Amino acid sequence: WALNILNMFFRGDGKSNIVYGDCFKYGANTHHEYNRALLNPPFSQEGEPETDFIDHALTAVKPGGRVAVVVKTKVMVDADLEQWRKALVANHHVEAVITLPLELFYPTASPTVILVIRAHAPNLNRGTLLARIENDGFEISKKRRIPIEGTKLPTVLELFKRYERDGVIETIPNLAMVIDRESIT
C-alpha cells in the first residue's frame, strides 16, 4: 500500500483511490464498491484456495468492473474446480485466459495464467480470449532473468484490445484464439 501511494504521488496522480485494508474483513464497504481488482493470491495455501480470493474480489467489484488475477493454471483445468468454473461463467464474463511463461515465477516454474473477468456481467454472445505468452522478453540465465528479443507481450495486448473492442479476433496458431464461453468449464 505504501509503495503504491508513493508511486501515485511521484506520478502526480492523487485520484487512484488505492485503499489500504484487510481483504478478508467482509462488510458493507466491500460489496460492489470498486471498479477494478488486481490479484496475485498465494499459490495453493492450505485452507486458502485461490478461488476464495477471486470470489471475494468479484464481490467487491461493481457490476461491469474488472478483476485480473494471476493464478496457477490448475484453477482452470482441475476437475475438482469444475463447479466453481461453471458458477464463474454463469455469473460473470471470463474475458481472457492468458498463459504465462513457465519461468516467470522462477524458481517455482509453476504454470500460471492471468484471468481477466468482467464482474456480474455474463455475456452469452461473447467467447473468451485464450492467449499464450511463451516469450515475455526475458529468459533465465544464471538464476536471474535477463532481457531477450521477441517478446509477445505487445502482440497479446493488442489482440486483447481488439477482442475487447470487437468481440472477436483471428486465430493465430500457438498465440491466440477465441473460444466459446462454455468451454471454460
Protein backbone atom coordinates (compact mmCIF):
# COMPACT_ATOMS: atom_id res chain seq x y z
CA TRP A 1 0.00 0.00 0.00
CA ALA A 2 2.74 2.46 0.97
CA LEU A 3 4.67 1.79 -2.25
CA ASN A 4 1.51 2.26 -4.32
CA ILE A 5 0.72 5.57 -2.64
CA LEU A 6 4.32 6.79 -3.04
CA ASN A 7 4.29 5.76 -6.71
CA MET A 8 0.98 7.57 -7.17
CA PHE A 9 2.45 10.79 -5.74
CA PHE A 10 5.56 10.51 -7.91
CA ARG A 11 3.36 10.30 -10.97
CA GLY A 12 1.24 13.23 -9.83
CA ASP A 13 -1.88 11.06 -9.59
CA GLY A 14 -3.89 11.78 -6.48
CA LYS A 15 -7.10 10.18 -7.72
CA SER A 16 -6.32 6.47 -7.94
CA ASN A 17 -8.30 5.61 -4.80
CA ILE A 18 -5.85 2.99 -3.62
CA VAL A 19 -7.31 1.63 -0.41
CA TYR A 20 -5.38 0.14 2.47
CA GLY A 21 -7.35 -2.60 4.19
CA ASP A 22 -7.78 -6.24 5.03
CA CYS A 23 -9.35 -8.08 2.10
CA PHE A 24 -10.73 -10.76 4.42
CA LYS A 25 -12.83 -8.44 6.56
CA TYR A 26 -16.23 -8.60 4.97
CA GLY A 27 -18.54 -5.69 5.45
CA ALA A 28 -20.92 -3.33 3.73
CA ASN A 29 -17.99 -1.31 2.40
CA THR A 30 -16.64 -4.21 0.34
CA HIS A 31 -19.77 -5.06 -1.62
CA HIS A 32 -19.71 -3.68 -5.21
CA GLU A 33 -17.54 -0.75 -4.19
CA TYR A 34 -14.61 -0.92 -6.60
CA ASN A 35 -14.16 -0.70 -10.37
CA ARG A 36 -11.11 -2.98 -10.53
CA ALA A 37 -9.28 -5.57 -8.51
CA LEU A 38 -5.79 -6.84 -9.27
CA LEU A 39 -4.77 -10.04 -7.51
CA ASN A 40 -1.80 -12.31 -7.13
CA PRO A 41 -3.04 -14.65 -4.39
CA PRO A 42 -0.67 -17.08 -2.70
CA PHE A 43 -0.45 -20.31 -4.65
CA SER A 44 -2.17 -23.30 -3.04
CA GLN A 45 -2.09 -22.17 0.55
CA GLU A 46 -3.58 -24.76 2.89
CA GLY A 47 -7.14 -23.72 3.66
CA GLU A 48 -7.00 -20.65 1.38
CA PRO A 49 -7.68 -21.75 -2.19
CA GLU A 50 -7.07 -19.22 -4.95
CA THR A 51 -10.75 -19.37 -5.82
CA ASP A 52 -11.67 -17.79 -2.47
CA PHE A 53 -9.54 -14.76 -3.34
CA ILE A 54 -11.19 -14.48 -6.75
CA ASP A 55 -14.70 -14.82 -5.31
CA HIS A 56 -14.02 -12.15 -2.70
CA ALA A 57 -12.64 -9.76 -5.32
CA LEU A 58 -15.70 -10.33 -7.52
CA THR A 59 -17.93 -9.47 -4.56
CA ALA A 60 -16.04 -6.21 -4.02
CA VAL A 61 -16.19 -5.11 -7.68
CA LYS A 62 -19.12 -3.21 -9.17
CA PRO A 63 -21.17 -4.82 -11.94
CA GLY A 64 -19.21 -4.38 -15.15
CA GLY A 65 -15.96 -3.85 -13.24
CA ARG A 66 -12.90 -5.97 -13.87
CA VAL A 67 -10.88 -8.47 -11.89
CA ALA A 68 -7.45 -9.52 -13.16
CA VAL A 69 -5.73 -12.31 -11.28
CA VAL A 70 -2.56 -14.38 -11.66
CA VAL A 71 -3.23 -17.99 -10.63
CA LYS A 72 -1.87 -21.44 -11.21
CA THR A 73 -3.16 -22.99 -14.41
CA LYS A 74 -4.80 -25.76 -12.37
CA VAL A 75 -7.57 -23.32 -11.39
CA MET A 76 -8.73 -23.51 -15.00
CA VAL A 77 -8.20 -27.24 -15.58
CA ASP A 78 -8.62 -29.07 -12.27
CA ALA A 79 -11.67 -31.35 -12.42
CA ASP A 80 -12.38 -30.61 -8.73
CA LEU A 81 -12.96 -26.95 -9.65
CA GLU A 82 -15.42 -27.60 -12.49
CA GLN A 83 -18.44 -26.45 -10.45
CA TRP A 84 -16.61 -23.29 -9.43
CA ARG A 85 -15.81 -22.54 -13.10
CA LYS A 86 -19.45 -23.17 -14.08
CA ALA A 87 -20.59 -20.64 -11.47
CA LEU A 88 -17.92 -18.20 -12.64
CA VAL A 89 -19.10 -18.38 -16.25
CA ALA A 90 -22.78 -18.24 -15.25
CA ASN A 91 -22.38 -15.09 -13.15
CA HIS A 92 -19.52 -13.23 -14.82
CA HIS A 93 -17.76 -12.93 -18.17
CA VAL A 94 -14.32 -14.52 -18.35
CA GLU A 95 -12.85 -12.16 -20.93
CA ALA A 96 -9.39 -13.70 -21.18
CA VAL A 97 -7.19 -16.54 -20.01
CA ILE A 98 -3.57 -15.69 -20.80
CA THR A 99 -0.93 -18.36 -20.23
CA LEU A 100 2.37 -17.02 -18.90
CA PRO A 101 5.92 -18.35 -19.40
CA LEU A 102 6.91 -21.20 -17.09
CA GLU A 103 9.98 -19.45 -15.73
CA LEU A 104 8.12 -16.23 -14.90
CA PHE A 105 7.97 -17.10 -11.20
CA TYR A 106 11.40 -18.70 -11.07
CA PRO A 107 12.44 -20.87 -9.23
CA THR A 108 8.95 -22.38 -8.77
CA ALA A 109 8.26 -22.86 -12.50
CA SER A 110 4.54 -23.23 -11.81
CA PRO A 111 2.36 -22.95 -14.91
CA THR A 112 0.35 -19.75 -14.44
CA VAL A 113 -2.34 -17.76 -16.20
CA ILE A 114 -3.84 -14.31 -15.98
CA LEU A 115 -7.63 -14.40 -15.74
CA VAL A 116 -9.46 -11.25 -16.78
CA ILE A 117 -13.06 -11.28 -15.59
CA ARG A 118 -15.86 -8.77 -16.16
CA ALA A 119 -17.77 -8.93 -12.87
CA HIS A 120 -21.52 -9.56 -12.67
CA ALA A 121 -21.88 -9.21 -16.43
CA PRO A 122 -22.25 -12.62 -18.08
CA ASN A 123 -22.24 -12.19 -21.84
CA LEU A 124 -23.90 -15.02 -23.70
CA ASN A 125 -22.80 -13.66 -27.08
CA ARG A 126 -19.07 -13.38 -26.44
CA GLY A 127 -16.43 -16.01 -26.07
CA THR A 128 -13.19 -15.94 -24.11
CA LEU A 129 -9.83 -14.90 -25.47
CA LEU A 130 -7.16 -17.54 -24.96
CA ALA A 131 -3.58 -16.38 -25.43
CA ARG A 132 -0.16 -17.83 -24.74
CA ILE A 133 2.87 -15.75 -23.91
CA GLU A 134 5.86 -18.02 -24.31
CA ASN A 135 8.32 -15.11 -24.53
CA ASP A 136 7.83 -12.16 -22.18
CA GLY A 137 11.13 -10.56 -23.18
CA PHE A 138 13.24 -12.35 -20.56
CA GLU A 139 14.96 -15.69 -20.05
CA ILE A 140 16.60 -17.36 -17.06
CA SER A 141 20.39 -17.24 -17.07
CA LYS A 142 22.50 -17.96 -14.00
CA LYS A 143 19.42 -17.87 -11.76
CA ARG A 144 18.24 -14.45 -12.91
CA ARG A 145 16.04 -13.08 -15.67
CA ILE A 146 17.84 -11.26 -18.46
CA PRO A 147 16.30 -9.40 -21.43
CA ILE A 148 15.93 -11.17 -24.78
CA GLU A 149 14.36 -10.29 -28.13
CA GLY A 150 10.98 -11.46 -29.36
CA THR A 151 8.56 -10.63 -26.56
CA LYS A 152 4.92 -11.44 -27.31
CA LEU A 153 3.53 -9.04 -24.67
CA PRO A 154 2.75 -6.15 -27.06
CA THR A 155 1.12 -8.53 -29.55
CA VAL A 156 -1.10 -10.15 -26.91
CA LEU A 157 -2.02 -6.74 -25.50
CA GLU A 158 -3.05 -5.54 -28.96
CA LEU A 159 -5.07 -8.73 -29.52
CA PHE A 160 -6.80 -8.24 -26.15
CA LYS A 161 -7.69 -4.64 -27.06
CA ARG A 162 -9.05 -5.81 -30.42
CA TYR A 163 -11.05 -8.57 -28.73
CA GLU A 164 -12.35 -6.08 -26.16
CA ARG A 165 -13.46 -3.70 -28.93
CA ASP A 166 -14.81 -6.19 -31.50
CA GLY A 167 -15.56 -9.35 -29.51
CA VAL A 168 -13.57 -11.47 -31.94
CA ILE A 169 -10.02 -11.88 -33.22
CA GLU A 170 -8.50 -14.07 -35.89
CA THR A 171 -6.97 -17.30 -34.61
CA ILE A 172 -3.18 -17.14 -34.55
CA PRO A 173 -1.75 -20.66 -34.05
CA ASN A 174 0.26 -21.05 -30.84
CA LEU A 175 -0.59 -17.49 -29.78
CA ALA A 176 -4.30 -16.63 -29.51
CA MET A 177 -7.86 -17.61 -30.29
CA VAL A 178 -11.39 -17.01 -29.02
CA ILE A 179 -13.28 -19.99 -27.61
CA ASP A 180 -16.93 -20.44 -26.67
CA ARG A 181 -17.58 -19.17 -23.14
CA GLU A 182 -18.89 -22.55 -22.00
CA SER A 183 -15.56 -24.19 -22.88
CA ILE A 184 -14.07 -22.56 -19.77
CA THR A 185 -15.95 -25.03 -17.59
